[in-house]
Amino acid sequence: MPRSAAFSPRGPAAIGPYSHAVWAGDLLYCSGQTPIDPTTTKLIDGDVTAQTHRVFDNLQAVVEDAGLTMDDVIKCNVYLTDMANFSAMNAAYTTRFSAPFPARTTVAVAGLPLNASVEIELVAKRP
């Protein structure tokens, strides 16, 4: 089955050879997003809370432009450069979903593109 890409004109341009998201049947696999402002194409200033909100703004644009909502998200993978930022990221994260929350994995990584503090990828499913 060939890949069917999804693209959001409201999201930041890809900084590499990848699609914003790819459909696989009823599943939408969104590429990891970093806190890039789509208008300036630069990493935003701010702490991990501000960066997490920017990441979710970018992801939400992709999800919505693919015809879904954040309520359709079933799985998130969160990458942090410092696990000391977990509580702040988690507080921002909880404002983006309602119970029952998507499944989630959070891991620490050595580094992220453009020295971001957080990157998040997700999977959503058509209802």
PDB file of N, CA and C in Angstrom:
ATOM      1  N   MET A   1       0.849  -1.161   0.000  1.00  0.00           N
ATOM      2  CA  MET A   1       0.000   0.000   0.000  1.00  0.00           C
ATOM      3  C   MET A   1       0.906   1.240   0.000  1.00  0.00           C
ATOM      4  N   PRO A   2       0.719   2.159  -0.935  1.00  0.00           N
ATOM      5  CA  PRO A   2       1.553   3.362  -0.973  1.00  0.00           C
ATOM      6  C   PRO A   2       1.220   4.301   0.187  1.00  0.00           C
ATOM      7  N   ARG A   3       2.223   5.085   0.564  1.00  0.00           N
ATOM      8  CA  ARG A   3       2.001   6.070   1.632  1.00  0.00           C
ATOM      9  C   ARG A   3       1.068   7.154   1.142  1.00  0.00           C
ATOM     10  N   SER A   4       0.243   7.620   2.057  1.00  0.00           N
ATOM     11  CA  SER A   4      -0.650   8.738   1.777  1.00  0.00           C
ATOM     12  C   SER A   4      -0.310   9.824   2.796  1.00  0.00           C
ATOM     13  N   ALA A   5       0.366  10.871   2.336  1.00  0.00           N
ATOM     14  CA  ALA A   5       0.846  11.912   3.245  1.00  0.00           C
ATOM     15  C   ALA A   5      -0.249  12.915   3.578  1.00  0.00           C
ATOM     16  N   ALA A   6      -0.157  13.468   4.773  1.00  0.00           N
ATOM     17  CA  ALA A   6      -1.017  14.560   5.211  1.00  0.00           C
ATOM     18  C   ALA A   6      -0.105  15.744   5.498  1.00  0.00           C
ATOM     19  N   PHE A   7      -0.532  16.925   5.095  1.00  0.00           N
ATOM     20  CA  PHE A   7       0.266  18.134   5.268  1.00  0.00           C
ATOM     21  C   PHE A   7      -0.620  19.246   5.802  1.00  0.00           C
ATOM     22  N   SER A   8      -0.070  20.043   6.696  1.00  0.00           N
ATOM     23  CA  SER A   8      -0.802  21.180   7.219  1.00  0.00           C
ATOM     24  C   SER A   8      -0.136  22.476   6.770  1.00  0.00           C
ATOM     25  N   PRO A   9      -0.862  23.306   6.029  1.00  0.00           N
ATOM     26  CA  PRO A   9      -0.287  24.606   5.667  1.00  0.00           C
ATOM     27  C   PRO A   9      -0.117  25.519   6.881  1.00  0.00           C
ATOM     28  N   ARG A  10      -0.762  25.157   8.007  1.00  0.00           N
ATOM     29  CA  ARG A  10      -0.642  25.948   9.238  1.00  0.00           C
ATOM     30  C   ARG A  10       0.530  25.513  10.098  1.00  0.00           C
ATOM     31  N   GLY A  11       1.130  24.383   9.775  1.00  0.00           N
ATOM     32  CA  GLY A  11       2.252  23.882  10.551  1.00  0.00           C
ATOM     33  C   GLY A  11       3.571  24.375   9.987  1.00  0.00           C
ATOM     34  N   PRO A  12       4.642  24.214  10.758  1.00  0.00           N
ATOM     35  CA  PRO A  12       5.947  24.638  10.258  1.00  0.00           C
ATOM     36  C   PRO A  12       6.414  23.736   9.123  1.00  0.00           C
ATOM     37  N   ALA A  13       7.162  24.305   8.203  1.00  0.00           N
ATOM     38  CA  ALA A  13       7.721  23.518   7.109  1.00  0.00           C
ATOM     39  C   ALA A  13       8.655  22.458   7.691  1.00  0.00           C
ATOM     40  N   ALA A  14       8.668  21.302   7.084  1.00  0.00           N
ATOM     41  CA  ALA A  14       9.546  20.226   7.529  1.00  0.00           C
ATOM     42  C   ALA A  14      11.000  20.671   7.395  1.00  0.00           C
ATOM     43  N   ILE A  15      11.834  20.327   8.396  1.00  0.00           N
ATOM     44  CA  ILE A  15      13.245  20.669   8.333  1.00  0.00           C
ATOM     45  C   ILE A  15      14.073  19.475   7.851  1.00  0.00           C
ATOM     46  N   GLY A  16      13.406  18.538   7.211  1.00  0.00           N
ATOM     47  CA  GLY A  16      14.071  17.355   6.678  1.00  0.00           C
ATOM     48  C   GLY A  16      13.150  16.643   5.711  1.00  0.00           C
ATOM     49  N   PRO A  17      13.579  15.500   5.209  1.00  0.00           N
ATOM     50  CA  PRO A  17      12.775  14.756   4.244  1.00  0.00           C
ATOM     51  C   PRO A  17      11.718  13.877   4.912  1.00  0.00           C
ATOM     52  N   TYR A  18      10.669  14.509   5.407  1.00  0.00           N
ATOM     53  CA  TYR A  18       9.575  13.773   6.043  1.00  0.00           C
ATOM     54  C   TYR A  18       8.263  14.500   5.817  1.00  0.00           C
ATOM     55  N   SER A  19       7.179  13.771   5.982  1.00  0.00           N
ATOM     56  CA  SER A  19       5.830  14.330   5.874  1.00  0.00           C
ATOM     57  C   SER A  19       5.363  14.757   7.263  1.00  0.00           C
ATOM     58  N   HIS A  20       4.459  15.735   7.314  1.00  0.00           N
ATOM     59  CA  HIS A  20       3.858  16.092   8.603  1.00  0.00           C
ATOM     60  C   HIS A  20       3.212  14.872   9.227  1.00  0.00           C
ATOM     61  N   ALA A  21       2.554  14.063   8.393  1.00  0.00           N
ATOM     62  CA  ALA A  21       1.890  12.849   8.870  1.00  0.00           C
ATOM     63  C   ALA A  21       1.676  11.922   7.687  1.00  0.00           C
ATOM     64  N   VAL A  22       1.417  10.669   8.002  1.00  0.00           N
ATOM     65  CA  VAL A  22       1.136   9.661   6.976  1.00  0.00           C
ATOM     66  C   VAL A  22      -0.043   8.820   7.443  1.00  0.00           C
ATOM     67  N   TRP A  23      -0.978   8.619   6.540  1.00  0.00           N
ATOM     68  CA  TRP A  23      -2.118   7.746   6.809  1.00  0.00           C
ATOM     69  C   TRP A  23      -1.724   6.293   6.563  1.00  0.00           C
ATOM     70  N   ALA A  24      -2.152   5.396   7.442  1.00  0.00           N
ATOM     71  CA  ALA A  24      -2.053   3.951   7.265  1.00  0.00           C
ATOM     72  C   ALA A  24      -3.428   3.408   7.637  1.00  0.00           C
ATOM     73  N   GLY A  25      -4.270   3.234   6.631  1.00  0.00           N
ATOM     74  CA  GLY A  25      -5.657   2.861   6.910  1.00  0.00           C
ATOM     75  C   GLY A  25      -6.341   3.985   7.660  1.00  0.00           C
ATOM     76  N   ASP A  26      -6.901   3.685   8.836  1.00  0.00           N
ATOM     77  CA  ASP A  26      -7.578   4.688   9.658  1.00  0.00           C
ATOM     78  C   ASP A  26      -6.657   5.360  10.667  1.00  0.00           C
ATOM     79  N   LEU A  27      -5.371   5.016  10.630  1.00  0.00           N
ATOM     80  CA  LEU A  27      -4.417   5.586  11.576  1.00  0.00           C
ATOM     81  C   LEU A  27      -3.620   6.709  10.928  1.00  0.00           C
ATOM     82  N   LEU A  28      -3.487   7.815  11.646  1.00  0.00           N
ATOM     83  CA  LEU A  28      -2.685   8.942  11.206  1.00  0.00           C
ATOM     84  C   LEU A  28      -1.449   9.001  12.092  1.00  0.00           C
ATOM     85  N   TYR A  29      -0.283   8.762  11.503  1.00  0.00           N
ATOM     86  CA  TYR A  29       0.984   8.807  12.217  1.00  0.00           C
ATOM     87  C   TYR A  29       1.609  10.178  11.985  1.00  0.00           C
ATOM     88  N   CYS A  30       1.649  10.986  13.038  1.00  0.00           N
ATOM     89  CA  CYS A  30       2.212  12.335  12.930  1.00  0.00           C
ATOM     90  C   CYS A  30       3.695  12.310  13.273  1.00  0.00           C
ATOM     91  N   SER A  31       4.483  12.943  12.439  1.00  0.00           N
ATOM     92  CA  SER A  31       5.908  13.084  12.710  1.00  0.00           C
ATOM     93  C   SER A  31       6.111  13.909  13.966  1.00  0.00           C
ATOM     94  N   GLY A  32       7.245  13.703  14.602  1.00  0.00           N
ATOM     95  CA  GLY A  32       7.577  14.499  15.770  1.00  0.00           C
ATOM     96  C   GLY A  32       7.640  15.975  15.421  1.00  0.00           C
ATOM     97  N   GLN A  33       7.079  16.776  16.298  1.00  0.00           N
ATOM     98  CA  GLN A  33       7.118  18.230  16.134  1.00  0.00           C
ATOM     99  C   GLN A  33       7.945  18.832  17.262  1.00  0.00           C
ATOM    100  N   THR A  34       8.712  19.827  16.902  1.00  0.00           N
ATOM    101  CA  THR A  34       9.454  20.611  17.876  1.00  0.00           C
ATOM    102  C   THR A  34       8.793  21.984  17.962  1.00  0.00           C
ATOM    103  N   PRO A  35       9.181  22.807  18.914  1.00  0.00           N
ATOM    104  CA  PRO A  35       8.509  24.090  19.107  1.00  0.00           C
ATOM    105  C   PRO A  35       8.944  25.166  18.108  1.00  0.00           C
ATOM    106  N   ILE A  36       8.711  24.895  16.851  1.00  0.00           N
ATOM    107  CA  ILE A  36       9.037  25.850  15.800  1.00  0.00           C
ATOM    108  C   ILE A  36       7.807  26.702  15.511  1.00  0.00           C
ATOM    109  N   ASP A  37       8.002  27.993  15.468  1.00  0.00           N
ATOM    110  CA  ASP A  37       6.928  28.915  15.097  1.00  0.00           C
ATOM    111  C   ASP A  37       6.769  28.829  13.578  1.00  0.00           C
ATOM    112  N   PRO A  38       5.586  28.450  13.080  1.00  0.00           N
ATOM    113  CA  PRO A  38       5.419  28.298  11.638  1.00  0.00           C
ATOM    114  C   PRO A  38       5.577  29.609  10.862  1.00  0.00           C
ATOM    115  N   THR A  39       5.373  30.729  11.525  1.00  0.00           N
ATOM    116  CA  THR A  39       5.499  32.022  10.853  1.00  0.00           C
ATOM    117  C   THR A  39       6.959  32.414  10.651  1.00  0.00           C
ATOM    118  N   THR A  40       7.770  32.229  11.696  1.00  0.00           N
ATOM    119  CA  THR A  40       9.179  32.633  11.617  1.00  0.00           C
ATOM    120  C   THR A  40      10.087  31.487  11.199  1.00  0.00           C
ATOM    121  N   THR A  41       9.586  30.252  11.297  1.00  0.00           N
ATOM    122  CA  THR A  41      10.344  29.012  11.061  1.00  0.00           C
ATOM    123  C   THR A  41      11.534  28.880  12.005  1.00  0.00           C
ATOM    124  N   LYS A  42      11.440  29.522  13.156  1.00  0.00           N
ATOM    125  CA  LYS A  42      12.501  29.446  14.156  1.00  0.00           C
ATOM    126  C   LYS A  42      11.942  28.847  15.449  1.00  0.00           C
ATOM    127  N   LEU A  43      12.847  28.244  16.216  1.00  0.00           N
ATOM    128  CA  LEU A  43      12.479  27.725  17.524  1.00  0.00           C
ATOM    129  C   LEU A  43      12.019  28.887  18.393  1.00  0.00           C
ATOM    130  N   ILE A  44      10.919  28.689  19.117  1.00  0.00           N
ATOM    131  CA  ILE A  44      10.419  29.773  19.969  1.00  0.00           C
ATOM    132  C   ILE A  44      11.320  29.944  21.184  1.00  0.00           C
ATOM    133  N   ASP A  45      11.297  31.130  21.748  1.00  0.00           N
ATOM    134  CA  ASP A  45      11.939  31.373  23.036  1.00  0.00           C
ATOM    135  C   ASP A  45      10.980  30.884  24.107  1.00  0.00           C
ATOM    136  N   GLY A  46      11.509  30.488  25.228  1.00  0.00           N
ATOM    137  CA  GLY A  46      10.637  30.123  26.328  1.00  0.00           C
ATOM    138  C   GLY A  46      11.038  28.823  26.983  1.00  0.00           C
ATOM    139  N   ASP A  47      10.427  28.587  28.132  1.00  0.00           N
ATOM    140  CA  ASP A  47      10.706  27.388  28.907  1.00  0.00           C
ATOM    141  C   ASP A  47       9.983  26.188  28.305  1.00  0.00           C
ATOM    142  N   VAL A  48      10.098  25.054  28.960  1.00  0.00           N
ATOM    143  CA  VAL A  48       9.509  23.827  28.419  1.00  0.00           C
ATOM    144  C   VAL A  48       7.982  23.909  28.381  1.00  0.00           C
ATOM    145  N   THR A  49       7.374  24.691  29.259  1.00  0.00           N
ATOM    146  CA  THR A  49       5.921  24.861  29.203  1.00  0.00           C
ATOM    147  C   THR A  49       5.522  25.535  27.901  1.00  0.00           C
ATOM    148  N   ALA A  50       6.152  26.648  27.592  1.00  0.00           N
ATOM    149  CA  ALA A  50       5.864  27.362  26.342  1.00  0.00           C
ATOM    150  C   ALA A  50       6.192  26.491  25.138  1.00  0.00           C
ATOM    151  N   GLN A  51       7.306  25.780  25.208  1.00  0.00           N
ATOM    152  CA  GLN A  51       7.687  24.909  24.089  1.00  0.00           C
ATOM    153  C   GLN A  51       6.687  23.776  23.898  1.00  0.00           C
ATOM    154  N   THR A  52       6.203  23.192  24.994  1.00  0.00           N
ATOM    155  CA  THR A  52       5.215  22.111  24.878  1.00  0.00           C
ATOM    156  C   THR A  52       3.929  22.620  24.237  1.00  0.00           C
ATOM    157  N   HIS A  53       3.476  23.794  24.631  1.00  0.00           N
ATOM    158  CA  HIS A  53       2.270  24.357  24.018  1.00  0.00           C
ATOM    159  C   HIS A  53       2.476  24.623  22.525  1.00  0.00           C
ATOM    160  N   ARG A  54       3.641  25.115  22.134  1.00  0.00           N
ATOM    161  CA  ARG A  54       3.913  25.361  20.709  1.00  0.00           C
ATOM    162  C   ARG A  54       3.926  24.045  19.933  1.00  0.00           C
ATOM    163  N   VAL A  55       4.534  23.019  20.515  1.00  0.00           N
ATOM    164  CA  VAL A  55       4.548  21.700  19.878  1.00  0.00           C
ATOM    165  C   VAL A  55       3.116  21.220  19.652  1.00  0.00           C
ATOM    166  N   PHE A  56       2.269  21.337  20.667  1.00  0.00           N
ATOM    167  CA  PHE A  56       0.884  20.896  20.514  1.00  0.00           C
ATOM    168  C   PHE A  56       0.107  21.768  19.531  1.00  0.00           C
ATOM    169  N   ASP A  57       0.405  23.053  19.456  1.00  0.00           N
ATOM    170  CA  ASP A  57      -0.223  23.885  18.421  1.00  0.00           C
ATOM    171  C   ASP A  57       0.122  23.341  17.040  1.00  0.00           C
ATOM    172  N   ASN A  58       1.385  22.977  16.850  1.00  0.00           N
ATOM    173  CA  ASN A  58       1.820  22.433  15.558  1.00  0.00           C
ATOM    174  C   ASN A  58       1.152  21.093  15.265  1.00  0.00           C
ATOM    175  N   LEU A  59       1.125  20.220  16.257  1.00  0.00           N
ATOM    176  CA  LEU A  59       0.490  18.913  16.068  1.00  0.00           C
ATOM    177  C   LEU A  59      -1.006  19.044  15.823  1.00  0.00           C
ATOM    178  N   GLN A  60      -1.652  19.918  16.572  1.00  0.00           N
ATOM    179  CA  GLN A  60      -3.093  20.100  16.400  1.00  0.00           C
ATOM    180  C   GLN A  60      -3.417  20.581  14.986  1.00  0.00           C
ATOM    181  N   ALA A  61      -2.597  21.448  14.438  1.00  0.00           N
ATOM    182  CA  ALA A  61      -2.816  21.911  13.063  1.00  0.00           C
ATOM    183  C   ALA A  61      -2.773  20.735  12.092  1.00  0.00           C
ATOM    184  N   VAL A  62      -1.813  19.852  12.263  1.00  0.00           N
ATOM    185  CA  VAL A  62      -1.691  18.681  11.383  1.00  0.00           C
ATOM    186  C   VAL A  62      -2.905  17.767  11.543  1.00  0.00           C
ATOM    187  N   VAL A  63      -3.258  17.482  12.789  1.00  0.00           N
ATOM    188  CA  VAL A  63      -4.392  16.597  13.072  1.00  0.00           C
ATOM    189  C   VAL A  63      -5.692  17.174  12.500  1.00  0.00           C
ATOM    190  N   GLU A  64      -5.941  18.442  12.749  1.00  0.00           N
ATOM    191  CA  GLU A  64      -7.180  19.069  12.272  1.00  0.00           C
ATOM    192  C   GLU A  64      -7.209  19.175  10.750  1.00  0.00           C
ATOM    193  N   ASP A  65      -6.081  19.505  10.136  1.00  0.00           N
ATOM    194  CA  ASP A  65      -6.057  19.612   8.677  1.00  0.00           C
ATOM    195  C   ASP A  65      -6.189  18.251   8.003  1.00  0.00           C
ATOM    196  N   ALA A  66      -5.989  17.183   8.772  1.00  0.00           N
ATOM    197  CA  ALA A  66      -6.218  15.826   8.272  1.00  0.00           C
ATOM    198  C   ALA A  66      -7.664  15.391   8.522  1.00  0.00           C
ATOM    199  N   GLY A  67      -8.476  16.275   9.121  1.00  0.00           N
ATOM    200  CA  GLY A  67      -9.888  15.974   9.339  1.00  0.00           C
ATOM    201  C   GLY A  67     -10.206  15.330  10.670  1.00  0.00           C
ATOM    202  N   LEU A  68      -9.269  15.344  11.612  1.00  0.00           N
ATOM    203  CA  LEU A  68      -9.482  14.741  12.928  1.00  0.00           C
ATOM    204  C   LEU A  68      -9.424  15.816  14.003  1.00  0.00           C
ATOM    205  N   THR A  69      -9.605  15.403  15.252  1.00  0.00           N
ATOM    206  CA  THR A  69      -9.463  16.311  16.388  1.00  0.00           C
ATOM    207  C   THR A  69      -8.480  15.690  17.373  1.00  0.00           C
ATOM    208  N   MET A  70      -8.101  16.456  18.360  1.00  0.00           N
ATOM    209  CA  MET A  70      -7.202  15.923  19.383  1.00  0.00           C
ATOM    210  C   MET A  70      -7.881  14.819  20.198  1.00  0.00           C
ATOM    211  N   ASP A  71      -9.201  14.753  20.177  1.00  0.00           N
ATOM    212  CA  ASP A  71      -9.911  13.649  20.835  1.00  0.00           C
ATOM    213  C   ASP A  71      -9.691  12.325  20.117  1.00  0.00           C
ATOM    214  N   ASP A  72      -9.189  12.378  18.885  1.00  0.00           N
ATOM    215  CA  ASP A  72      -8.920  11.168  18.114  1.00  0.00           C
ATOM    216  C   ASP A  72      -7.508  10.623  18.349  1.00  0.00           C
ATOM    217  N   VAL A  73      -6.711  11.328  19.145  1.00  0.00           N
ATOM    218  CA  VAL A  73      -5.342  10.893  19.432  1.00  0.00           C
ATOM    219  C   VAL A  73      -5.380   9.695  20.369  1.00  0.00           C
ATOM    220  N   ILE A  74      -4.631   8.644  19.992  1.00  0.00           N
ATOM    221  CA  ILE A  74      -4.612   7.428  20.809  1.00  0.00           C
ATOM    222  C   ILE A  74      -3.252   7.162  21.460  1.00  0.00           C
ATOM    223  N   LYS A  75      -2.186   7.799  20.954  1.00  0.00           N
ATOM    224  CA  LYS A  75      -0.842   7.530  21.488  1.00  0.00           C
ATOM    225  C   LYS A  75       0.054   8.734  21.266  1.00  0.00           C
ATOM    226  N   CYS A  76       0.837   9.076  22.282  1.00  0.00           N
ATOM    227  CA  CYS A  76       1.834  10.147  22.183  1.00  0.00           C
ATOM    228  C   CYS A  76       3.180   9.614  22.658  1.00  0.00           C
ATOM    229  N   ASN A  77       4.220  10.033  21.992  1.00  0.00           N
ATOM    230  CA  ASN A  77       5.585   9.799  22.445  1.00  0.00           C
ATOM    231  C   ASN A  77       6.207  11.161  22.688  1.00  0.00           C
ATOM    232  N   VAL A  78       6.709  11.364  23.891  1.00  0.00           N
ATOM    233  CA  VAL A  78       7.293  12.638  24.292  1.00  0.00           C
ATOM    234  C   VAL A  78       8.784  12.433  24.516  1.00  0.00           C
ATOM    235  N   TYR A  79       9.577  13.340  23.972  1.00  0.00           N
ATOM    236  CA  TYR A  79      11.030  13.299  24.117  1.00  0.00           C
ATOM    237  C   TYR A  79      11.472  14.585  24.811  1.00  0.00           C
ATOM    238  N   LEU A  80      12.155  14.433  25.932  1.00  0.00           N
ATOM    239  CA  LEU A  80      12.658  15.570  26.704  1.00  0.00           C
ATOM    240  C   LEU A  80      14.179  15.499  26.789  1.00  0.00           C
ATOM    241  N   THR A  81      14.835  16.651  26.707  1.00  0.00           N
ATOM    242  CA  THR A  81      16.285  16.660  26.864  1.00  0.00           C
ATOM    243  C   THR A  81      16.691  16.666  28.333  1.00  0.00           C
ATOM    244  N   ASP A  82      15.726  16.894  29.220  1.00  0.00           N
ATOM    245  CA  ASP A  82      16.004  16.914  30.652  1.00  0.00           C
ATOM    246  C   ASP A  82      14.749  16.462  31.399  1.00  0.00           C
ATOM    247  N   MET A  83      14.838  15.328  32.077  1.00  0.00           N
ATOM    248  CA  MET A  83      13.674  14.819  32.799  1.00  0.00           C
ATOM    249  C   MET A  83      13.274  15.713  33.969  1.00  0.00           C
ATOM    250  N   ALA A  84      14.111  16.671  34.343  1.00  0.00           N
ATOM    251  CA  ALA A  84      13.716  17.658  35.347  1.00  0.00           C
ATOM    252  C   ALA A  84      12.568  18.520  34.821  1.00  0.00           C
ATOM    253  N   ASN A  85      12.360  18.518  33.500  1.00  0.00           N
ATOM    254  CA  ASN A  85      11.267  19.275  32.882  1.00  0.00           C
ATOM    255  C   ASN A  85       9.963  18.470  32.788  1.00  0.00           C
ATOM    256  N   PHE A  86       9.955  17.249  33.323  1.00  0.00           N
ATOM    257  CA  PHE A  86       8.781  16.389  33.185  1.00  0.00           C
ATOM    258  C   PHE A  86       7.524  17.031  33.766  1.00  0.00           C
ATOM    259  N   SER A  87       7.593  17.569  34.962  1.00  0.00           N
ATOM    260  CA  SER A  87       6.398  18.136  35.606  1.00  0.00           C
ATOM    261  C   SER A  87       5.828  19.294  34.803  1.00  0.00           C
ATOM    262  N   ALA A  88       6.689  20.178  34.318  1.00  0.00           N
ATOM    263  CA  ALA A  88       6.217  21.325  33.527  1.00  0.00           C
ATOM    264  C   ALA A  88       5.612  20.860  32.207  1.00  0.00           C
ATOM    265  N   MET A  89       6.259  19.905  31.549  1.00  0.00           N
ATOM    266  CA  MET A  89       5.699  19.360  30.307  1.00  0.00           C
ATOM    267  C   MET A  89       4.365  18.692  30.594  1.00  0.00           C
ATOM    268  N   ASN A  90       4.301  17.920  31.666  1.00  0.00           N
ATOM    269  CA  ASN A  90       3.085  17.190  32.013  1.00  0.00           C
ATOM    270  C   ASN A  90       1.927  18.143  32.294  1.00  0.00           C
ATOM    271  N   ALA A  91       2.201  19.251  32.966  1.00  0.00           N
ATOM    272  CA  ALA A  91       1.154  20.236  33.254  1.00  0.00           C
ATOM    273  C   ALA A  91       0.610  20.830  31.955  1.00  0.00           C
ATOM    274  N   ALA A  92       1.484  21.152  31.015  1.00  0.00           N
ATOM    275  CA  ALA A  92       1.040  21.681  29.718  1.00  0.00           C
ATOM    276  C   ALA A  92       0.295  20.601  28.941  1.00  0.00           C
ATOM    277  N   TYR A  93       0.791  19.382  28.985  1.00  0.00           N
ATOM    278  CA  TYR A  93       0.190  18.238  28.286  1.00  0.00           C
ATOM    279  C   TYR A  93      -1.258  18.035  28.722  1.00  0.00           C
ATOM    280  N   THR A  94      -1.511  18.122  30.022  1.00  0.00           N
ATOM    281  CA  THR A  94      -2.863  17.832  30.524  1.00  0.00           C
ATOM    282  C   THR A  94      -3.900  18.842  30.046  1.00  0.00           C
ATOM    283  N   THR A  95      -3.466  20.016  29.585  1.00  0.00           N
ATOM    284  CA  THR A  95      -4.419  21.002  29.073  1.00  0.00           C
ATOM    285  C   THR A  95      -4.862  20.692  27.657  1.00  0.00           C
ATOM    286  N   ARG A  96      -4.216  19.721  26.999  1.00  0.00           N
ATOM    287  CA  ARG A  96      -4.501  19.420  25.597  1.00  0.00           C
ATOM    288  C   ARG A  96      -5.395  18.205  25.387  1.00  0.00           C
ATOM    289  N   PHE A  97      -5.626  17.435  26.445  1.00  0.00           N
ATOM    290  CA  PHE A  97      -6.427  16.222  26.336  1.00  0.00           C
ATOM    291  C   PHE A  97      -7.391  16.138  27.509  1.00  0.00           C
ATOM    292  N   SER A  98      -8.435  15.325  27.330  1.00  0.00           N
ATOM    293  CA  SER A  98      -9.347  15.037  28.431  1.00  0.00           C
ATOM    294  C   SER A  98      -9.376  13.520  28.631  1.00  0.00           C
ATOM    295  N   ALA A  99      -9.842  13.104  29.786  1.00  0.00           N
ATOM    296  CA  ALA A  99      -9.912  11.675  30.102  1.00  0.00           C
ATOM    297  C   ALA A  99     -10.932  10.997  29.197  1.00  0.00           C
ATOM    298  N   PRO A 100     -10.700   9.795  28.783  1.00  0.00           N
ATOM    299  CA  PRO A 100      -9.498   9.026  29.035  1.00  0.00           C
ATOM    300  C   PRO A 100      -8.341   9.537  28.159  1.00  0.00           C
ATOM    301  N   PHE A 101      -7.195   9.723  28.771  1.00  0.00           N
ATOM    302  CA  PHE A 101      -6.037  10.273  28.082  1.00  0.00           C
ATOM    303  C   PHE A 101      -5.437   9.260  27.113  1.00  0.00           C
ATOM    304  N   PRO A 102      -4.774   9.743  26.061  1.00  0.00           N
ATOM    305  CA  PRO A 102      -4.090   8.819  25.156  1.00  0.00           C
ATOM    306  C   PRO A 102      -2.989   8.065  25.907  1.00  0.00           C
ATOM    307  N   ALA A 103      -2.624   6.909  25.377  1.00  0.00           N
ATOM    308  CA  ALA A 103      -1.446   6.211  25.887  1.00  0.00           C
ATOM    309  C   ALA A 103      -0.240   7.118  25.646  1.00  0.00           C
ATOM    310  N   ARG A 104       0.783   7.004  26.500  1.00  0.00           N
ATOM    311  CA  ARG A 104       1.931   7.903  26.349  1.00  0.00           C
ATOM    312  C   ARG A 104       3.208   7.245  26.823  1.00  0.00           C
ATOM    313  N   THR A 105       4.286   7.582  26.155  1.00  0.00           N
ATOM    314  CA  THR A 105       5.635   7.245  26.576  1.00  0.00           C
ATOM    315  C   THR A 105       6.416   8.544  26.658  1.00  0.00           C
ATOM    316  N   THR A 106       7.208   8.709  27.710  1.00  0.00           N
ATOM    317  CA  THR A 106       8.078   9.879  27.836  1.00  0.00           C
ATOM    318  C   THR A 106       9.486   9.382  28.116  1.00  0.00           C
ATOM    319  N   VAL A 107      10.426   9.822  27.299  1.00  0.00           N
ATOM    320  CA  VAL A 107      11.819   9.408  27.474  1.00  0.00           C
ATOM    321  C   VAL A 107      12.739  10.619  27.420  1.00  0.00           C
ATOM    322  N   ALA A 108      13.907  10.471  28.040  1.00  0.00           N
ATOM    323  CA  ALA A 108      14.948  11.491  27.968  1.00  0.00           C
ATOM    324  C   ALA A 108      15.859  11.162  26.798  1.00  0.00           C
ATOM    325  N   VAL A 109      16.257  12.189  26.088  1.00  0.00           N
ATOM    326  CA  VAL A 109      17.152  12.036  24.937  1.00  0.00           C
ATOM    327  C   VAL A 109      18.338  12.983  25.107  1.00  0.00           C
ATOM    328  N   ALA A 110      19.422  12.682  24.414  1.00  0.00           N
ATOM    329  CA  ALA A 110      20.634  13.492  24.527  1.00  0.00           C
ATOM    330  C   ALA A 110      20.485  14.855  23.865  1.00  0.00           C
ATOM    331  N   GLY A 111      19.668  14.937  22.834  1.00  0.00           N
ATOM    332  CA  GLY A 111      19.492  16.203  22.138  1.00  0.00           C
ATOM    333  C   GLY A 111      18.347  16.117  21.160  1.00  0.00           C
ATOM    334  N   LEU A 112      17.845  17.291  20.758  1.00  0.00           N
ATOM    335  CA  LEU A 112      16.750  17.389  19.797  1.00  0.00           C
ATOM    336  C   LEU A 112      17.114  18.429  18.743  1.00  0.00           C
ATOM    337  N   PRO A 113      16.463  18.387  17.572  1.00  0.00           N
ATOM    338  CA  PRO A 113      16.765  19.362  16.529  1.00  0.00           C
ATOM    339  C   PRO A 113      16.647  20.801  17.040  1.00  0.00           C
ATOM    340  N   LEU A 114      17.552  21.631  16.612  1.00  0.00           N
ATOM    341  CA  LEU A 114      17.582  23.060  16.935  1.00  0.00           C
ATOM    342  C   LEU A 114      17.705  23.329  18.433  1.00  0.00           C
ATOM    343  N   ASN A 115      18.163  22.322  19.191  1.00  0.00           N
ATOM    344  CA  ASN A 115      18.311  22.431  20.652  1.00  0.00           C
ATOM    345  C   ASN A 115      16.988  22.649  21.373  1.00  0.00           C
ATOM    346  N   ALA A 116      15.910  22.104  20.823  1.00  0.00           N
ATOM    347  CA  ALA A 116      14.613  22.156  21.490  1.00  0.00           C
ATOM    348  C   ALA A 116      14.691  21.373  22.794  1.00  0.00           C
ATOM    349  N   SER A 117      13.819  21.717  23.731  1.00  0.00           N
ATOM    350  CA  SER A 117      13.737  20.990  25.002  1.00  0.00           C
ATOM    351  C   SER A 117      12.754  19.833  24.946  1.00  0.00           C
ATOM    352  N   VAL A 118      11.817  19.876  23.967  1.00  0.00           N
ATOM    353  CA  VAL A 118      10.772  18.862  23.883  1.00  0.00           C
ATOM    354  C   VAL A 118      10.411  18.605  22.427  1.00  0.00           C
ATOM    355  N   GLU A 119      10.109  17.362  22.135  1.00  0.00           N
ATOM    356  CA  GLU A 119       9.551  16.955  20.843  1.00  0.00           C
ATOM    357  C   GLU A 119       8.462  15.942  21.140  1.00  0.00           C
ATOM    358  N   ILE A 120       7.372  16.021  20.388  1.00  0.00           N
ATOM    359  CA  ILE A 120       6.257  15.096  20.605  1.00  0.00           C
ATOM    360  C   ILE A 120       5.781  14.572  19.261  1.00  0.00           C
ATOM    361  N   GLU A 121       5.530  13.281  19.198  1.00  0.00           N
ATOM    362  CA  GLU A 121       4.902  12.664  18.038  1.00  0.00           C
ATOM    363  C   GLU A 121       3.638  11.985  18.520  1.00  0.00           C
ATOM    364  N   LEU A 122       2.698  11.760  17.604  1.00  0.00           N
ATOM    365  CA  LEU A 122       1.460  11.118  18.038  1.00  0.00           C
ATOM    366  C   LEU A 122       0.831  10.295  16.925  1.00  0.00           C
ATOM    367  N   VAL A 123      -0.096   9.474  17.353  1.00  0.00           N
ATOM    368  CA  VAL A 123      -0.896   8.657  16.451  1.00  0.00           C
ATOM    369  C   VAL A 123      -2.362   8.964  16.759  1.00  0.00           C
ATOM    370  N   ALA A 124      -3.146   9.198  15.703  1.00  0.00           N
ATOM    371  CA  ALA A 124      -4.581   9.432  15.861  1.00  0.00           C
ATOM    372  C   ALA A 124      -5.320   8.438  14.980  1.00  0.00           C
ATOM    373  N   LYS A 125      -6.589   8.187  15.315  1.00  0.00           N
ATOM    374  CA  LYS A 125      -7.396   7.211  14.577  1.00  0.00           C
ATOM    375  C   LYS A 125      -8.724   7.835  14.181  1.00  0.00           C
ATOM    376  N   ARG A 126      -9.097   7.570  12.936  1.00  0.00           N
ATOM    377  CA  ARG A 126     -10.419   8.005  12.500  1.00  0.00           C
ATOM    378  C   ARG A 126     -11.472   7.342  13.381  1.00  0.00           C
ATOM    379  N   PRO A 127     -12.517   8.121  13.761  1.00  0.00           N
ATOM    380  CA  PRO A 127     -13.563   7.519  14.602  1.00  0.00           C
ATOM    381  C   PRO A 127     -14.356   6.462  13.836  1.00  0.00           C
TER     382      PRO A 127
END
